[in-house]
C-alpha atoms as a PDB file:
ATOM      1  CA  MET A   1      42.050-109.422 -80.650  1.00  0.00           C
ATOM      2  CA  ARG A   2      45.735-108.717 -81.219  1.00  0.00           C
ATOM      3  CA  SER A   3      46.204-111.989 -83.119  1.00  0.00           C
ATOM      4  CA  CYS A   4      43.863-110.958 -85.934  1.00  0.00           C
ATOM      5  CA  PRO A   5      46.357-108.652 -87.739  1.00  0.00           C
ATOM      6  CA  ASN A   6      48.961-111.463 -87.761  1.00  0.00           C
ATOM      7  CA  VAL A   7      46.498-113.806 -89.477  1.00  0.00           C
ATOM      8  CA  VAL A   8      45.726-111.216 -92.145  1.00  0.00           C
ATOM      9  CA  ILE A   9      49.429-110.680 -92.820  1.00  0.00           C
ATOM     10  CA  CYS A  10      50.076-114.418 -93.119  1.00  0.00           C
ATOM     11  CA  VAL A  11      47.220-114.858 -95.574  1.00  0.00           C
ATOM     12  CA  ALA A  12      48.452-111.956 -97.695  1.00  0.00           C
ATOM     13  CA  ILE A  13      51.943-113.483 -97.886  1.00  0.00           C
ATOM     14  CA  VAL A  14      50.587-116.882 -98.945  1.00  0.00           C
ATOM     15  CA  VAL A  15      48.404-115.336-101.661  1.00  0.00           C
ATOM     16  CA  THR A  16      51.293-113.238-102.989  1.00  0.00           C
ATOM     17  CA  THR A  17      53.633-116.229-103.078  1.00  0.00           C
ATOM     18  CA  ARG A  18      51.075-118.356-104.913  1.00  0.00           C
ATOM     19  CA  ASN A  19      50.536-115.694-107.589  1.00  0.00           C
ATOM     20  CA  ALA A  20      54.276-115.277-108.080  1.00  0.00           C
ATOM     21  CA  PHE A  21      54.653-119.058-108.508  1.00  0.00           C
ATOM     22  CA  ALA A  22      51.785-119.211-111.023  1.00  0.00           C
ATOM     23  CA  GLN A  23      53.428-116.522-113.170  1.00  0.00           C
ATOM     24  CA  ASN A  24      56.760-118.380-113.210  1.00  0.00           C
ATOM     25  CA  ALA A  25      55.288-121.839-113.792  1.00  0.00           C
ATOM     26  CA  CYS A  26      56.126-121.766-117.493  1.00  0.00           C
ATOM     27  CA  PRO A  27      59.418-120.154-118.539  1.00  0.00           C
ATOM     28  CA  SER A  28      59.147-117.488-121.211  1.00  0.00           C
ATOM     29  CA  ARG A  29      62.890-117.288-121.866  1.00  0.00           C
ATOM     30  CA  PRO A  30      64.415-119.765-124.315  1.00  0.00           C
ATOM     31  CA  GLN A  31      65.527-122.970-122.604  1.00  0.00           C
ATOM     32  CA  PHE A  32      68.428-125.311-123.396  1.00  0.00           C
ATOM     33  CA  ALA A  33      67.751-128.990-124.116  1.00  0.00           C
ATOM     34  CA  PHE A  34      68.670-130.070-120.572  1.00  0.00           C
ATOM     35  CA  GLN A  35      66.065-127.670-119.150  1.00  0.00           C
ATOM     36  CA  VAL A  36      63.023-129.104-120.927  1.00  0.00           C
ATOM     37  CA  GLN A  37      61.092-132.331-120.589  1.00  0.00           C
ATOM     38  CA  LYS A  38      60.709-132.827-124.361  1.00  0.00           C
ATOM     39  CA  GLU A  39      63.129-131.250-126.810  1.00  0.00           C
ATOM     40  CA  ALA A  40      62.073-129.430-129.953  1.00  0.00           C
ATOM     41  CA  HIS A  41      62.646-131.446-133.116  1.00  0.00           C
ATOM     42  CA  GLU A  42      62.384-130.691-136.798  1.00  0.00           C
ATOM     43  CA  LEU A  43      59.263-131.895-138.578  1.00  0.00           C
ATOM     44  CA  PRO A  44      59.527-133.802-141.868  1.00  0.00           C
ATOM     45  CA  ARG A  45      59.359-131.534-144.875  1.00  0.00           C
ATOM     46  CA  ASP A  46      58.945-131.713-148.613  1.00  0.00           C
ATOM     47  CA  GLU A  47      61.452-129.847-150.731  1.00  0.00           C
ATOM     48  CA  GLY A  48      61.044-126.687-148.642  1.00  0.00           C
ATOM     49  CA  GLY A  49      63.832-125.943-146.203  1.00  0.00           C
ATOM     50  CA  ARG A  50      66.567-127.743-148.097  1.00  0.00           C
ATOM     51  CA  ILE A  51      69.906-126.099-148.518  1.00  0.00           C
ATOM     52  CA  ASP A  52      70.407-125.146-152.145  1.00  0.00           C
ATOM     53  CA  GLU A  53      72.652-127.782-153.713  1.00  0.00           C
ATOM     54  CA  ARG A  54      74.142-125.155-156.016  1.00  0.00           C
ATOM     55  CA  THR A  55      75.733-123.322-153.082  1.00  0.00           C
ATOM     56  CA  GLU A  56      79.259-122.260-153.964  1.00  0.00           C
ATOM     57  CA  LEU A  57      81.741-123.738-151.506  1.00  0.00           C
ATOM     58  CA  ALA A  58      85.166-122.364-150.822  1.00  0.00           C
ATOM     59  CA  PRO A  59      87.681-123.673-153.399  1.00  0.00           C
ATOM     60  CA  GLY A  60      89.129-127.052-152.404  1.00  0.00           C
ATOM     61  CA  THR A  61      86.483-127.685-149.731  1.00  0.00           C
ATOM     62  CA  LYS A  62      85.605-131.380-149.571  1.00  0.00           C
ATOM     63  CA  SER A  63      83.397-131.603-146.506  1.00  0.00           C
ATOM     64  CA  GLY A  64      82.916-130.114-143.098  1.00  0.00           C
ATOM     65  CA  VAL A  65      80.666-129.137-140.248  1.00  0.00           C
ATOM     66  CA  ASN A  66      79.288-125.798-139.201  1.00  0.00           C
ATOM     67  CA  VAL A  67      77.735-125.608-135.729  1.00  0.00           C
ATOM     68  CA  VAL A  68      74.877-123.141-135.452  1.00  0.00           C
ATOM     69  CA  GLN A  69      72.565-121.931-132.723  1.00  0.00           C
ATOM     70  CA  PHE A  70      69.033-120.546-133.034  1.00  0.00           C
ATOM     71  CA  VAL A  71      65.779-120.365-131.095  1.00  0.00           C
ATOM     72  CA  VAL A  72      62.578-122.249-131.917  1.00  0.00           C
ATOM     73  CA  ASP A  73      59.515-120.443-130.551  1.00  0.00           C
ATOM     74  CA  THR A  74      56.419-121.941-128.909  1.00  0.00           C
ATOM     75  CA  LEU A  75      54.706-122.278-132.305  1.00  0.00           C
ATOM     76  CA  GLY A  76      57.566-124.318-133.760  1.00  0.00           C
ATOM     77  CA  LYS A  77      58.925-121.526-135.935  1.00  0.00           C
ATOM     78  CA  PRO A  78      62.634-120.748-135.913  1.00  0.00           C
ATOM     79  CA  VAL A  79      63.506-117.208-134.879  1.00  0.00           C
ATOM     80  CA  THR A  80      65.760-116.340-137.810  1.00  0.00           C
ATOM     81  CA  ALA A  81      67.183-113.262-136.073  1.00  0.00           C
ATOM     82  CA  SER A  82      68.586-115.530-133.345  1.00  0.00           C
ATOM     83  CA  LEU A  83      70.740-117.585-135.755  1.00  0.00           C
ATOM     84  CA  LYS A  84      74.446-117.401-135.065  1.00  0.00           C
ATOM     85  CA  PRO A  85      77.421-119.570-135.955  1.00  0.00           C
ATOM     86  CA  LEU A  86      79.194-121.317-133.089  1.00  0.00           C
ATOM     87  CA  SER A  87      81.788-122.956-135.332  1.00  0.00           C
ATOM     88  CA  LEU A  88      82.149-121.683-138.886  1.00  0.00           C
ATOM     89  CA  LYS A  89      84.104-123.742-141.426  1.00  0.00           C
ATOM     90  CA  ASP A  90      82.450-122.430-144.585  1.00  0.00           C
ATOM     91  CA  SER A  91      80.491-119.174-144.714  1.00  0.00           C
ATOM     92  CA  ALA A  92      78.666-120.196-147.919  1.00  0.00           C
ATOM     93  CA  ILE A  93      77.092-123.157-146.135  1.00  0.00           C
ATOM     94  CA  PHE A  94      76.118-120.931-143.200  1.00  0.00           C
ATOM     95  CA  LEU A  95      74.461-118.422-145.551  1.00  0.00           C
ATOM     96  CA  ALA A  96      72.624-121.226-147.388  1.00  0.00           C
ATOM     97  CA  PHE A  97      71.379-122.616-144.062  1.00  0.00           C
ATOM     98  CA  GLN A  98      70.329-119.119-143.009  1.00  0.00           C
ATOM     99  CA  ARG A  99      68.199-118.776-146.165  1.00  0.00           C
ATOM    100  CA  SER A 100      66.558-122.179-145.596  1.00  0.00           C
ATOM    101  CA  LEU A 101      65.879-121.680-141.866  1.00  0.00           C
ATOM    102  CA  ALA A 102      62.707-119.610-142.313  1.00  0.00           C
ATOM    103  CA  THR A 103      61.000-122.484-144.186  1.00  0.00           C
ATOM    104  CA  ARG A 104      61.776-125.122-141.555  1.00  0.00           C
ATOM    105  CA  ARG A 105      59.185-126.155-138.965  1.00  0.00           C
ATOM    106  CA  PHE A 106      59.650-127.796-135.584  1.00  0.00           C
ATOM    107  CA  GLU A 107      57.629-129.491-132.899  1.00  0.00           C
ATOM    108  CA  PRO A 108      58.102-127.036-130.004  1.00  0.00           C
ATOM    109  CA  ALA A 109      59.827-127.981-126.762  1.00  0.00           C
ATOM    110  CA  VAL A 110      57.702-128.866-123.736  1.00  0.00           C
ATOM    111  CA  ALA A 111      58.655-127.738-120.231  1.00  0.00           C
ATOM    112  CA  ARG A 112      58.448-129.932-117.156  1.00  0.00           C
ATOM    113  CA  GLU A 113      55.220-128.078-116.329  1.00  0.00           C
ATOM    114  CA  GLY A 114      53.675-129.419-119.558  1.00  0.00           C
ATOM    115  CA  CYS A 115      53.545-126.167-121.530  1.00  0.00           C
ATOM    116  CA  LYS A 116      55.299-125.260-124.780  1.00  0.00           C
ATOM    117  CA  VAL A 117      58.430-123.159-124.354  1.00  0.00           C
ATOM    118  CA  PRO A 118      61.005-121.592-126.676  1.00  0.00           C
ATOM    119  CA  GLN A 119      64.183-123.658-126.959  1.00  0.00           C
ATOM    120  CA  ILE A 120      67.742-122.848-127.944  1.00  0.00           C
ATOM    121  CA  ILE A 121      68.802-125.325-130.629  1.00  0.00           C
ATOM    122  CA  GLN A 122      72.463-126.086-131.257  1.00  0.00           C
ATOM    123  CA  ALA A 123      72.863-128.106-134.430  1.00  0.00           C
ATOM    124  CA  GLU A 124      75.519-129.303-136.818  1.00  0.00           C
ATOM    125  CA  VAL A 125      75.176-128.395-140.478  1.00  0.00           C
ATOM    126  CA  VAL A 126      77.145-131.134-142.247  1.00  0.00           C
ATOM    127  CA  TRP A 127      77.996-130.967-145.921  1.00  0.00           C
ATOM    128  CA  VAL A 128      79.886-133.027-148.459  1.00  0.00           C
ATOM    129  CA  ASN A 129      81.122-131.555-151.731  1.00  0.00           C
ATOM    130  CA  ARG A 130      80.590-134.407-154.176  1.00  0.00           C
ATOM    131  CA  SER A 131      82.050-132.487-157.115  1.00  0.00           C
ATOM    132  CA  THR A 132      85.531-132.236-155.561  1.00  0.00           C
ATOM    133  CA  PRO A 133      87.844-135.165-156.447  1.00  0.00           C
END
């Protein structure tokens, strides 16, 4: 009869471990591209989401690249509060991208477990000033 308590303890440990695994099966924290099975990608759009072509660039600016980072949630919506510049060449372009971000839509990332997860997007915002000689 002494072996009965050991069996009960073993069963309780297995049940607890299984429940802990089930809760962690799908990450709730934003994941980087290398952590997901399918990366988030921007969906085609009409005119919405475009950067305003009338954006005032710094004088003498011909072209450049800003690198930005933001999170796309499990519904495919960018979390505008998460936007931050990683490399800033022209603040006017960053501000124009910031204004357009809320209208952009994405296909959400998919985790290895098959569920949708938030993803950290790092993207280049490239521009060319065609009015500069």
